[in-house]
Protein backbone atom coordinates (compact mmCIF):
# COMPACT_ATOMS: atom_id res chain seq x y z
CA MET A 1 -45.07 -43.53 133.35
CA LYS A 2 -46.57 -44.77 130.24
CA GLN A 3 -47.32 -47.54 131.58
CA LEU A 4 -48.04 -45.78 134.80
CA LYS A 5 -50.87 -44.23 132.87
CA LYS A 6 -52.53 -46.81 130.95
CA TYR A 7 -53.28 -48.38 134.12
CA ILE A 8 -54.70 -46.04 135.92
CA VAL A 9 -56.97 -45.81 132.62
CA VAL A 10 -57.58 -48.71 132.59
CA LEU A 11 -59.14 -49.07 136.28
CA CYS A 12 -61.34 -46.18 135.63
CA GLY A 13 -62.64 -47.68 132.79
CA ALA A 14 -63.93 -50.31 134.97
CA LEU A 15 -67.49 -49.13 135.64
CA THR A 16 -66.26 -45.94 137.41
CA VAL A 17 -66.24 -43.72 134.77
CA GLY A 18 -68.25 -40.48 135.16
CA LEU A 19 -66.79 -39.55 138.64
CA GLY A 20 -65.01 -36.57 137.14
CA GLY A 21 -61.52 -37.90 135.97
CA CYS A 22 -59.10 -40.34 137.07
CA ASN A 23 -56.75 -37.35 138.43
CA ASP A 24 -57.41 -38.18 141.67
CA PHE A 25 -56.72 -41.27 141.85
CA LEU A 26 -53.04 -41.65 142.85
CA ASP A 27 -52.86 -37.62 144.46
CA ILE A 28 -51.90 -38.48 147.61
CA TYR A 29 -49.00 -40.42 147.25
CA ASP A 30 -45.40 -38.99 145.75
CA PRO A 31 -45.33 -39.75 142.01
CA ALA A 32 -41.46 -40.30 142.51
CA VAL A 33 -42.45 -43.25 144.02
CA VAL A 34 -45.43 -44.51 142.19
CA THR A 35 -44.88 -47.69 139.62
CA PRO A 36 -47.49 -50.20 138.41
CA ASP A 37 -46.16 -52.70 140.64
CA TYR A 38 -46.39 -50.28 143.92
CA TYR A 39 -49.22 -52.20 145.11
CA ASP A 40 -47.51 -54.84 145.27
CA THR A 41 -45.59 -53.65 148.09
CA LYS A 42 -47.05 -53.22 151.97
CA GLU A 43 -45.91 -49.47 151.72
CA GLY A 44 -48.55 -49.35 148.82
CA GLN A 45 -51.37 -50.87 150.28
CA GLU A 46 -50.93 -48.64 153.26
CA LYS A 47 -51.58 -45.56 151.02
CA LEU A 48 -54.19 -48.00 149.27
CA VAL A 49 -56.04 -47.97 152.42
CA VAL A 50 -56.12 -44.07 153.47
CA ASN A 51 -56.87 -43.56 149.85
CA LEU A 52 -60.14 -45.57 150.82
CA TYR A 53 -60.76 -43.65 153.63
CA ALA A 54 -60.39 -40.57 151.97
CA ARG A 55 -63.14 -41.66 149.56
CA TYR A 56 -65.69 -42.07 152.16
CA ARG A 57 -65.62 -38.38 152.61
CA SER A 58 -67.50 -38.08 149.14
CA VAL A 59 -70.25 -40.78 150.31
CA PHE A 60 -70.90 -38.97 153.49
CA THR A 61 -71.51 -35.87 151.87
CA THR A 62 -73.63 -36.45 149.53
CA TYR A 63 -76.06 -34.91 151.68
CA VAL A 64 -78.73 -35.25 148.35
CA LEU A 65 -79.22 -39.01 149.36
CA GLN A 66 -79.16 -38.80 153.24
CA TYR A 67 -80.92 -35.88 154.21
CA LEU A 68 -83.77 -35.11 151.44
CA GLY A 69 -87.00 -36.44 150.46
CA THR A 70 -87.34 -37.43 154.41
CA ASP A 71 -89.61 -36.50 157.15
CA MET A 72 -86.80 -34.15 158.77
CA TYR A 73 -84.84 -32.25 156.27
CA ILE A 74 -86.47 -29.99 152.76
CA SER A 75 -84.92 -28.44 150.29
CA CYS A 76 -84.53 -24.56 150.49
CA ASP A 77 -85.42 -23.81 146.36
CA GLU A 78 -87.04 -25.21 143.67
CA SER A 79 -83.54 -26.71 141.31
CA PRO A 80 -84.50 -29.50 139.32
CA ALA A 81 -82.08 -31.29 142.10
CA ALA A 82 -84.36 -30.49 145.18
CA ALA A 83 -87.96 -31.30 142.98
CA GLN A 84 -85.97 -34.78 142.17
CA PHE A 85 -84.89 -36.20 145.31
CA ASN A 86 -86.67 -33.55 147.84
CA GLY A 87 -90.07 -33.92 146.17
CA TYR A 88 -89.67 -37.26 143.90
CA ASN A 89 -90.92 -35.74 141.10
CA ALA A 90 -91.28 -37.15 137.46
CA ASP A 91 -87.96 -36.15 136.29
CA LEU A 92 -85.98 -38.30 138.87
CA SER A 93 -83.90 -40.11 136.41
CA GLY A 94 -80.60 -41.68 135.42
CA LEU A 95 -79.24 -38.51 134.26
CA SER A 96 -78.91 -37.09 137.72
CA GLY A 97 -75.23 -36.13 137.74
CA THR A 98 -75.59 -36.57 141.60
CA ILE A 99 -76.59 -40.27 140.94
CA ASP A 100 -73.53 -40.53 138.32
CA THR A 101 -71.09 -39.62 141.09
CA TYR A 102 -72.53 -41.48 144.08
CA TRP A 103 -72.18 -44.40 141.98
CA ALA A 104 -68.46 -44.02 140.40
CA THR A 105 -67.67 -42.99 144.44
CA LEU A 106 -68.78 -46.06 145.41
CA TYR A 107 -67.29 -48.25 142.71
CA LYS A 108 -64.07 -46.38 143.47
CA ILE A 109 -63.74 -47.83 146.52
CA VAL A 110 -64.72 -51.35 145.33
CA GLN A 111 -62.39 -51.67 142.56
CA GLU A 112 -59.53 -50.25 145.21
CA ALA A 113 -60.33 -52.62 147.71
CA ASN A 114 -60.49 -55.14 145.36
CA ILE A 115 -56.51 -54.28 144.77
CA LEU A 116 -55.81 -54.39 147.60
CA LEU A 117 -57.19 -57.63 148.99
CA ALA A 118 -56.00 -59.40 145.45
CA ARG A 119 -52.42 -58.16 145.93
CA CYS A 120 -51.74 -58.29 150.03
CA THR A 121 -50.15 -61.43 151.41
CA PRO A 122 -48.43 -62.64 154.90
CA GLU A 123 -45.62 -62.45 152.74
CA ILE A 124 -45.88 -58.69 151.65
CA ALA A 125 -47.75 -57.83 154.96
CA GLY A 126 -46.09 -59.62 157.98
CA ARG A 127 -47.96 -58.92 161.01
CA ASP A 128 -49.90 -56.76 159.44
CA TYR A 129 -51.84 -58.96 156.73
CA ASP A 130 -54.97 -60.02 158.95
CA ARG A 131 -55.57 -56.05 159.90
CA LEU A 132 -55.04 -55.15 156.05
CA VAL A 133 -57.45 -57.43 154.82
CA ALA A 134 -60.13 -56.45 157.20
CA LYS A 135 -59.79 -52.68 156.45
CA GLY A 136 -60.26 -53.62 152.97
CA ARG A 137 -62.83 -56.15 153.39
CA ILE A 138 -64.98 -53.73 155.91
CA LEU A 139 -64.93 -50.70 153.34
CA ARG A 140 -65.56 -53.00 150.23
CA ALA A 141 -68.59 -53.89 152.03
CA MET A 142 -69.95 -50.73 153.27
CA ALA A 143 -69.41 -49.40 149.58
CA TYR A 144 -71.98 -52.51 148.73
CA TYR A 145 -74.63 -51.98 151.80
CA TYR A 146 -74.96 -48.24 150.14
CA LEU A 147 -75.29 -49.01 146.68
CA VAL A 148 -77.36 -51.94 147.45
CA GLU A 149 -79.53 -49.84 149.63
CA THR A 150 -79.65 -46.97 147.09
CA PHE A 151 -80.09 -48.88 143.60
CA GLY A 152 -80.92 -52.46 144.97
CA GLY A 153 -79.59 -55.25 142.70
CA VAL A 154 -76.07 -53.86 141.63
CA PRO A 155 -73.10 -55.88 139.89
CA LEU A 156 -70.87 -57.71 142.75
CA LEU A 157 -67.50 -56.90 141.44
CA THR A 158 -65.15 -58.73 143.80
CA GLY A 159 -61.96 -59.06 141.83
CA GLU A 160 -59.26 -57.00 140.70
CA ASN A 161 -59.57 -55.74 136.92
CA THR A 162 -56.95 -53.44 136.13
CA ALA A 163 -54.65 -55.36 133.23
CA ALA A 164 -55.37 -54.22 129.69
CA GLY A 165 -57.76 -56.65 129.03
CA ASP A 166 -59.89 -56.44 131.98
CA VAL A 167 -62.32 -53.80 130.69
CA ILE A 168 -65.89 -54.71 131.91
CA GLY A 169 -68.20 -54.63 128.89
CA GLU A 170 -70.82 -56.61 130.17
CA VAL A 171 -72.42 -57.07 133.84
CA THR A 172 -75.27 -59.11 135.43
CA ARG A 173 -77.12 -57.28 138.32
CA ALA A 174 -76.98 -59.48 141.55
CA GLY A 175 -79.72 -59.94 143.70
CA GLU A 176 -80.26 -58.08 147.08
CA GLU A 177 -80.34 -61.19 148.84
CA GLU A 178 -77.16 -62.33 147.67
CA ILE A 179 -75.63 -59.27 147.91
CA TYR A 180 -76.14 -59.20 152.07
CA ARG A 181 -75.27 -62.76 151.91
CA PHE A 182 -72.04 -61.26 150.61
CA ILE A 183 -72.16 -58.14 153.06
CA VAL A 184 -72.21 -60.17 155.99
CA ALA A 185 -69.89 -62.97 154.76
CA GLU A 186 -66.98 -60.63 154.93
CA LEU A 187 -67.75 -58.84 157.75
CA GLU A 188 -68.24 -62.11 159.59
CA ALA A 189 -64.87 -63.12 158.06
CA SER A 190 -63.32 -60.15 159.69
CA LEU A 191 -64.66 -60.02 163.77
CA GLY A 192 -61.69 -59.82 165.86
CA LYS A 193 -58.77 -59.02 163.47
CA LEU A 194 -58.46 -55.35 164.25
CA PRO A 195 -58.14 -53.95 167.85
CA GLU A 196 -60.92 -53.56 169.84
CA LYS A 197 -59.80 -49.66 170.50
CA ALA A 198 -58.80 -47.51 166.73
CA GLU A 199 -54.94 -47.54 166.64
CA ALA A 200 -55.57 -44.12 165.38
CA ALA A 201 -58.30 -41.18 165.17
CA GLY A 202 -60.38 -42.25 161.67
CA GLU A 203 -59.03 -45.71 162.12
CA LEU A 204 -61.65 -48.66 161.99
CA SER A 205 -61.62 -50.72 164.87
CA ASP A 206 -63.59 -54.20 165.62
CA THR A 207 -66.30 -52.05 168.24
CA ALA A 208 -67.17 -50.24 165.12
CA LEU A 209 -67.33 -53.40 162.55
CA LYS A 210 -69.63 -54.83 165.33
CA HIS A 211 -72.05 -51.89 165.32
CA LEU A 212 -71.77 -52.07 161.67
CA LEU A 213 -72.28 -56.00 160.64
CA GLY A 214 -74.86 -55.31 163.67
CA LYS A 215 -76.83 -52.59 161.56
CA ILE A 216 -76.61 -55.11 158.66
CA TYR A 217 -78.04 -57.63 160.77
CA LEU A 218 -80.91 -55.52 161.73
CA THR A 219 -81.44 -53.92 158.07
CA ARG A 220 -81.64 -57.27 156.86
CA ALA A 221 -84.12 -58.62 159.48
CA TYR A 222 -87.17 -55.90 157.93
CA ARG A 223 -87.01 -58.01 154.22
CA ASP A 224 -88.44 -61.14 153.16
CA TYR A 225 -85.13 -62.85 152.51
CA ALA A 226 -84.45 -62.11 156.55
CA ARG A 227 -82.59 -65.07 158.56
CA PRO A 228 -84.35 -66.46 161.43
CA ASP A 229 -81.73 -64.75 163.74
CA ASP A 230 -80.67 -61.21 161.81
CA ALA A 231 -82.41 -59.54 164.51
CA ALA A 232 -81.09 -61.79 167.78
CA SER A 233 -77.85 -60.79 166.11
CA ALA A 234 -78.11 -57.83 165.95
CA VAL A 235 -79.07 -57.71 169.31
CA GLY A 236 -76.15 -59.69 170.10
CA LEU A 237 -73.34 -57.26 168.34
CA PHE A 238 -74.64 -54.01 169.30
CA GLU A 239 -74.86 -55.28 173.58
CA GLU A 240 -70.83 -56.36 172.80
CA VAL A 241 -70.21 -52.95 171.50
CA ILE A 242 -72.09 -51.13 174.27
CA ALA A 243 -70.18 -53.43 176.84
CA SER A 244 -67.05 -51.66 175.31
CA THR A 245 -64.31 -50.96 178.07
CA HIS A 246 -62.96 -48.46 175.37
CA TYR A 247 -66.04 -46.51 174.09
CA GLY A 248 -68.76 -44.87 175.73
CA LEU A 249 -71.61 -42.32 176.17
CA LEU A 250 -70.49 -39.01 177.45
CA PRO A 251 -72.07 -37.83 180.10
CA ARG A 252 -73.40 -34.46 178.58
CA PHE A 253 -74.66 -34.51 175.55
CA GLY A 254 -73.16 -30.80 174.92
CA ASP A 255 -69.34 -32.48 175.12
CA VAL A 256 -70.25 -34.92 171.99
CA PHE A 257 -70.05 -32.06 169.41
CA ASP A 258 -67.65 -29.97 171.04
CA GLU A 259 -65.44 -28.61 169.18
CA ASN A 260 -62.26 -28.92 171.56
CA ASN A 261 -63.34 -32.44 171.98
CA GLN A 262 -63.03 -34.06 168.79
CA ASN A 263 -62.32 -37.77 168.57
CA ASN A 264 -63.98 -38.48 172.40
CA LYS A 265 -64.67 -42.19 173.66
CA GLU A 266 -68.47 -41.70 172.48
CA ILE A 267 -67.54 -41.56 168.81
CA ILE A 268 -66.71 -44.78 167.50
CA TRP A 269 -65.35 -44.37 163.76
CA ALA A 270 -65.19 -40.95 162.20
CA ILE A 271 -63.93 -39.09 158.95
CA GLN A 272 -60.93 -37.14 159.54
CA TYR A 273 -60.31 -34.03 157.78
CA GLY A 274 -57.91 -30.99 160.33
CA THR A 275 -56.59 -28.19 159.64
CA ASP A 276 -53.49 -29.17 157.31
CA LYS A 277 -54.62 -27.85 153.86
CA ASN A 278 -52.39 -30.50 151.76
CA TYR A 279 -54.76 -33.02 152.98
CA ASN A 280 -58.15 -31.72 154.28
CA GLY A 281 -59.69 -31.81 150.79
CA SER A 282 -62.40 -29.87 149.90
CA GLY A 283 -63.14 -29.56 153.91
CA ASN A 284 -65.94 -31.09 155.65
CA PRO A 285 -69.27 -28.41 154.96
CA ILE A 286 -71.51 -30.72 157.74
CA HIS A 287 -71.13 -26.64 159.33
CA THR A 288 -72.46 -24.66 156.64
CA GLN A 289 -75.93 -26.60 156.61
CA PHE A 290 -79.01 -26.41 158.24
CA GLY A 291 -79.29 -22.42 158.53
CA PHE A 292 -79.97 -19.22 156.47
CA ASN A 293 -78.07 -16.83 154.87
CA ILE A 294 -78.51 -14.26 157.60
CA THR A 295 -75.14 -12.05 156.75
CA ALA A 296 -77.05 -11.40 153.26
CA LEU A 297 -80.89 -11.33 154.56
CA TYR A 298 -80.07 -8.79 157.11
CA PRO A 299 -77.68 -6.59 156.03
CA GLY A 300 -76.36 -4.38 157.85
CA MET A 301 -77.24 -6.18 160.96
CA PHE A 302 -74.73 -8.85 160.97
CA ALA A 303 -70.96 -9.34 160.39
CA LEU A 304 -69.05 -11.88 158.71
CA ASP A 305 -67.97 -13.40 162.00
CA GLN A 306 -67.31 -17.23 161.66
CA GLN A 307 -66.80 -16.92 165.99
CA GLU A 308 -70.56 -16.55 166.03
CA TYR A 309 -72.07 -18.21 162.77
CA SER A 310 -71.09 -20.63 159.79
CA SER A 311 -71.30 -19.04 156.18
CA MET A 312 -74.32 -21.10 155.88
CA MET A 313 -74.61 -22.56 151.87
CA ARG A 314 -78.44 -22.88 152.42
CA ASN A 315 -79.27 -26.14 151.62
CA ILE A 316 -80.70 -27.91 153.55
CA TRP A 317 -83.60 -26.70 155.84
CA THR A 318 -85.04 -28.36 159.28
CA ASN A 319 -89.40 -29.37 158.74
CA PRO A 320 -90.66 -27.49 161.82
CA ARG A 321 -92.24 -30.93 162.83
CA VAL A 322 -89.12 -32.59 163.70
CA HIS A 323 -88.94 -29.19 166.48
CA GLU A 324 -91.98 -31.37 168.11
CA TRP A 325 -90.21 -34.14 168.75
CA PHE A 326 -88.14 -32.57 171.58
CA ARG A 327 -91.58 -33.23 173.53
CA HIS A 328 -89.95 -31.00 176.83
CA PRO A 329 -87.47 -28.69 175.14
CA ALA A 330 -86.78 -26.91 178.52
CA GLN A 331 -86.04 -30.85 179.80
CA ASP A 332 -83.95 -31.94 177.02
CA SER A 333 -80.19 -30.19 176.74
CA ARG A 334 -79.98 -31.58 173.19
CA TYR A 335 -82.48 -28.71 172.29
CA GLU A 336 -80.15 -26.14 173.02
CA ALA A 337 -76.74 -28.43 172.07
CA THR A 338 -78.34 -28.63 168.67
CA PHE A 339 -80.19 -25.33 167.65
CA ARG A 340 -79.23 -21.68 168.15
CA PHE A 341 -82.69 -19.29 168.65
CA GLU A 342 -81.07 -16.18 169.19
CA PHE A 343 -78.35 -13.87 167.50
CA ALA A 344 -77.24 -10.38 168.71
CA VAL A 345 -76.76 -7.55 165.95
CA ASN A 346 -73.05 -7.63 165.80
CA ASP A 347 -72.31 -5.29 163.27
CA PRO A 348 -70.18 -2.23 164.77
CA THR A 349 -71.56 0.04 162.84
CA ASN A 350 -75.52 -0.78 163.47
CA GLU A 351 -77.51 1.40 166.04
CA ARG A 352 -78.80 -1.31 167.71
CA TYR A 353 -75.31 -3.01 168.49
CA GLY A 354 -75.77 -5.60 170.94
CA GLN A 355 -78.95 -5.72 171.06
CA THR A 356 -81.00 -8.58 170.21
CA GLY A 357 -81.73 -8.65 166.24
CA ILE A 358 -83.18 -12.50 165.91
CA TYR A 359 -85.37 -14.31 168.16
CA MET A 360 -86.79 -17.36 167.60
CA PRO A 361 -88.51 -18.70 170.97
CA HIS A 362 -88.52 -22.50 172.10
CA TRP A 363 -91.40 -24.20 169.82
CA ASP A 364 -93.51 -24.94 173.00
CA ASP A 365 -93.36 -20.91 173.75
CA THR A 366 -96.46 -19.16 173.20
CA SER A 367 -95.86 -16.37 175.57
CA GLY A 368 -95.62 -13.65 172.46
CA ASP A 369 -92.74 -12.33 174.61
CA ASP A 370 -90.31 -10.85 171.55
CA ARG A 371 -87.15 -10.26 174.01
CA GLY A 372 -86.98 -6.79 172.41
CA ALA A 373 -85.99 -8.34 169.20
CA VAL A 374 -86.19 -6.64 165.83
CA HIS A 375 -86.89 -9.65 164.23
CA PHE A 376 -89.26 -11.83 165.90
CA TYR A 377 -90.17 -15.45 164.38
CA PRO A 378 -92.63 -17.15 166.84
CA PHE A 379 -92.60 -21.13 166.21
CA ARG A 380 -96.31 -20.47 164.50
CA THR A 381 -97.90 -17.79 162.30
CA ALA A 382 -100.95 -15.87 164.26
CA SER A 383 -103.15 -18.38 161.74
CA GLY A 384 -101.39 -21.61 163.47
CA ASP A 385 -98.92 -22.57 160.55
CA TYR A 386 -95.39 -23.39 160.93
CA ASN A 387 -93.29 -20.32 160.30
CA TRP A 388 -90.04 -21.33 160.18
CA TYR A 389 -90.04 -22.17 156.34
CA PRO A 390 -87.76 -21.20 153.61
CA ALA A 391 -88.69 -18.53 150.91
CA LEU A 392 -90.54 -20.47 148.22
CA GLY A 393 -92.62 -18.96 146.13
CA MET A 394 -94.49 -22.09 145.19
CA MET A 395 -95.57 -22.98 148.79
CA GLY A 396 -96.58 -19.49 149.78
CA TRP A 397 -93.87 -19.12 152.17
CA SER A 398 -91.74 -16.20 152.87
CA THR A 399 -90.00 -16.23 156.71
CA ASP A 400 -87.00 -17.53 155.24
CA CYS A 401 -85.66 -17.82 159.20
CA MET A 402 -85.23 -20.92 161.35
CA PRO A 403 -83.19 -22.06 164.46
CA MET A 404 -79.71 -22.29 162.69
CA CYS A 405 -77.93 -25.63 163.75
CA ARG A 406 -74.95 -24.99 165.85
CA LYS A 407 -73.88 -28.72 166.46
CA PHE A 408 -71.02 -28.57 164.21
CA ARG A 409 -69.82 -25.26 164.50
CA GLU A 410 -66.31 -24.43 163.23
CA THR A 411 -65.02 -21.35 165.14
CA LYS A 412 -61.53 -21.30 164.05
CA ILE A 413 -61.58 -21.00 160.57
CA GLU A 414 -62.24 -18.04 158.26
CA TRP A 415 -65.27 -17.09 157.13
CA GLY A 416 -66.07 -19.31 154.09
CA GLY A 417 -63.24 -21.58 155.11
CA LYS A 418 -63.10 -25.61 154.80
CA GLY A 419 -64.26 -27.18 157.46
CA THR A 420 -62.08 -29.08 159.52
CA ARG A 421 -64.07 -31.06 161.92
CA GLU A 422 -64.44 -35.01 162.36
CA ASP A 423 -67.72 -36.15 160.75
CA ALA A 424 -68.74 -38.94 163.05
CA VAL A 425 -70.43 -41.81 161.29
CA ILE A 426 -70.61 -44.16 164.35
CA ARG A 427 -71.05 -43.13 167.84
CA MET A 428 -72.12 -44.73 170.97
CA ALA A 429 -75.41 -43.60 170.93
CA ASP A 430 -76.76 -44.70 167.61
CA THR A 431 -75.50 -47.99 169.08
CA TYR A 432 -78.12 -48.37 171.74
CA LEU A 433 -81.08 -46.26 169.62
CA LEU A 434 -80.18 -49.39 166.98
CA LEU A 435 -79.97 -52.21 169.31
CA ALA A 436 -83.73 -50.50 170.77
CA GLU A 437 -85.30 -50.71 167.33
CA ALA A 438 -83.95 -54.58 167.26
CA TYR A 439 -85.30 -55.38 170.44
CA LEU A 440 -88.71 -53.54 169.21
CA LEU A 441 -88.25 -55.90 166.33
CA ALA A 442 -87.76 -59.46 168.23
CA GLY A 443 -90.51 -58.31 170.44
CA ARG A 444 -88.66 -57.73 173.20
CA PRO A 445 -90.38 -54.03 173.90
CA ASP A 446 -89.08 -53.91 177.68
CA ALA A 447 -85.51 -54.45 176.63
CA ALA A 448 -86.04 -51.54 174.15
CA LEU A 449 -87.64 -49.00 176.44
CA GLU A 450 -84.38 -49.13 178.40
CA LYS A 451 -81.67 -48.92 175.74
CA VAL A 452 -84.05 -45.82 174.75
CA ASN A 453 -84.54 -44.13 178.35
CA ALA A 454 -80.37 -44.38 178.98
CA ILE A 455 -80.36 -42.14 176.33
CA LEU A 456 -83.28 -39.78 177.00
CA ARG A 457 -81.52 -39.82 181.15
CA ARG A 458 -78.13 -38.18 179.41
CA ALA A 459 -80.70 -35.63 177.27
CA ALA A 460 -82.13 -34.54 180.65
CA GLY A 461 -79.02 -34.07 182.77
CA SER A 462 -80.50 -34.63 185.84
CA GLU A 463 -83.24 -36.94 187.50
CA GLU A 464 -85.87 -34.12 187.99
CA ASN A 465 -85.88 -33.75 183.91
CA TYR A 466 -85.72 -37.05 183.75
CA GLU A 467 -88.71 -38.03 185.56
CA VAL A 468 -90.10 -35.44 182.55
CA LEU A 469 -88.13 -36.75 179.43
CA LYS A 470 -88.45 -40.38 180.01
CA ILE A 471 -90.61 -43.09 177.88
CA ALA A 472 -92.84 -44.19 180.89
CA SER A 473 -94.21 -47.71 178.99
CA ALA A 474 -93.02 -50.02 176.55
CA SER A 475 -96.30 -49.36 174.64
CA GLU A 476 -95.70 -46.05 174.00
CA LEU A 477 -92.17 -46.59 172.08
CA THR A 478 -93.66 -47.04 168.77
CA LEU A 479 -91.48 -47.98 165.92
CA ASP A 480 -92.46 -43.91 164.95
CA ARG A 481 -91.50 -42.57 168.28
CA LEU A 482 -87.83 -44.47 168.10
CA LEU A 483 -87.77 -42.72 164.69
CA GLU A 484 -88.30 -39.90 166.52
CA GLU A 485 -85.60 -40.15 168.89
CA ARG A 486 -83.25 -41.06 166.50
CA GLY A 487 -84.27 -37.77 164.71
CA CYS A 488 -83.64 -35.51 167.96
CA GLU A 489 -79.94 -37.13 168.96
CA LEU A 490 -78.71 -37.71 165.61
CA PHE A 491 -80.21 -34.40 163.98
CA GLY A 492 -77.69 -33.93 160.84
CA GLU A 493 -75.79 -36.56 160.96
CA HIS A 494 -76.15 -39.34 158.44
CA ASP A 495 -78.20 -42.04 156.87
CA ARG A 496 -81.85 -40.69 157.82
CA TRP A 497 -83.13 -41.76 154.28
CA PHE A 498 -81.33 -45.19 154.38
CA ASP A 499 -83.02 -45.29 158.33
CA LEU A 500 -86.76 -45.12 156.96
CA LYS A 501 -85.79 -47.71 153.73
CA ARG A 502 -84.55 -50.16 156.15
CA THR A 503 -87.86 -49.92 158.43
CA GLY A 504 -90.03 -49.77 155.33
CA THR A 505 -91.40 -46.49 156.63
CA LEU A 506 -89.79 -44.02 153.80
CA LEU A 507 -93.39 -43.90 151.80
CA ALA A 508 -94.89 -43.29 154.98
CA ARG A 509 -92.93 -40.60 156.88
CA ALA A 510 -91.46 -38.92 154.07
CA ARG A 511 -94.93 -37.62 153.91
CA LEU A 512 -94.68 -35.58 156.37
CA ASN A 513 -92.09 -33.51 154.55
CA PRO A 514 -94.56 -30.43 152.68
CA LEU A 515 -92.91 -30.86 149.33
CA VAL A 516 -93.13 -34.86 148.85
CA GLU A 517 -97.08 -33.88 149.57
CA HIS A 518 -96.60 -30.40 147.60
CA TYR A 519 -95.47 -32.93 144.24
CA ASP A 520 -97.86 -36.10 144.78
CA ASN A 521 -95.34 -38.49 143.32
CA LEU A 522 -93.59 -40.77 145.79
CA SER A 523 -94.46 -44.35 145.28
CA GLU A 524 -93.03 -47.97 145.50
CA LYS A 525 -90.31 -47.03 142.93
CA HIS A 526 -88.61 -44.42 144.66
CA LEU A 527 -87.30 -47.35 147.18
CA VAL A 528 -84.63 -47.17 145.09
CA ARG A 529 -82.66 -44.55 142.80
CA PRO A 530 -82.15 -45.19 138.97
CA ILE A 531 -79.24 -46.67 137.52
CA PRO A 532 -76.70 -44.11 135.96
CA TYR A 533 -77.71 -43.30 132.24
CA ASN A 534 -73.98 -43.34 131.70
CA GLU A 535 -73.25 -46.92 132.98
CA ARG A 536 -75.85 -48.11 131.40
CA ILE A 537 -75.23 -46.92 128.28
CA LYS A 538 -71.28 -49.06 128.63
CA LEU A 539 -72.63 -51.77 130.24
CA LYS A 540 -74.42 -54.50 128.46
CA GLY A 541 -77.01 -56.44 131.05
CA LEU A 542 -77.10 -53.34 133.57
CA SER A 543 -80.92 -52.82 133.17
CA GLN A 544 -82.60 -49.87 134.46
CA ASN A 545 -84.86 -49.59 137.68
CA GLU A 546 -88.32 -50.20 137.14
CA GLY A 547 -90.52 -47.13 136.75
CA TYR A 548 -87.88 -44.82 135.69
CA ASN A 549 -86.63 -43.20 132.46
CA ASN A 550 -83.38 -43.15 130.76
């Protein structure tokens, strides 16, 4: 075991220190069977892939970097992290613990993928060789996508460094163009190596790979180092995904996120959790986001009832203007499926038990009908300002109430318990909207309109409603309109910050966030985040991004 401990320490010291220690590296394995050469076996390599999948839980629950500082979501407090990532204030630096952990997690994925790819051979893996190598390449390439989009140029490590003499002390930051060239090569080399349909829930498939590679081409197509055929390549791959016989849009939007309908035909790839506490980790927290603490704010009215609503962590608030993107809420099934507007008093000791306790009408309802609610919060105040804001003293807001997101509701766990539902990362509606974006970029607005209207037709649910919802002409489908349609369809799903960066709209659209405007510090430097201080002091050659301190 002394030899094993040395092996782990060396691995954690190679560009991955800062994750909070190395104790979790082999926790999912039986210590009785783990030896330093464990990853020279097929069993060890299969379990290494499982570990790579599990690490992506942390990537996709780093909500501060995905949601805050965008046009759709705002912070609920005045904490340093909120000011740094939502307000882009001057305190944002490499000293941020969030930045440090995110970098370390992604390089953990890189290093473990490097081990897999260095040790997996046809002799060891047999008929599964191509499958294992493809998964390692895809998961490593995805990590580099988030690294390069978050930090700009980063060290490009492709070899295993687990021996005692392999500890890295000096690095060179590869340029963005080089990293994108590497990502594309790795993903292209993996095409056709996985089944078109995932073998099991949570597994990657060739269809998921095509979606990811299409997104990489599309992202690069906006950059000054784009290849002439990037947009066309993205179009071709997205069209192949949409043509899949294994995946497709469900007929009803509400069915996509039905907790009894997980891993449905629309979900191309999702991070898995489940009810087994041995494998659930800290659980999927998405059901606790995008709401308010109803039981604490309204004592004596609402019970701790997981069947009704989640124990909201009150981390992320919906920018009220997002509601206006649902241009015709009465005809758009996504609006009611995404948000909950009415709450009955459910504390049996309250004299108004069973009556309406809180009511927030649809944003376009100006009738003044309060439905007899104890607390009535229309979309706008009497003076015409937005009303659904958190109670932030510095902004003069006091309502502290907004429609709760119910898209990710969990009704089968205890109050405050760990979330068990899958976390959808790639789904078919996203493919349609990315394809529309690629068509816009390629100068084919009519083709783009067709794909967006396919999403709106599903949202409408009937031809009568569709006549109201559809975008009538290609001239109306601007990039901003497309981003707003993405917001309606994909509310609460991942990568909003990365979507805005990809499309070159972050600096403009983030100004729709009232706290970004309040701090008034957003600039070009914020198109990348600062390099972690802990890494820079250990690694010679790891310079800080321009404009950041520490």
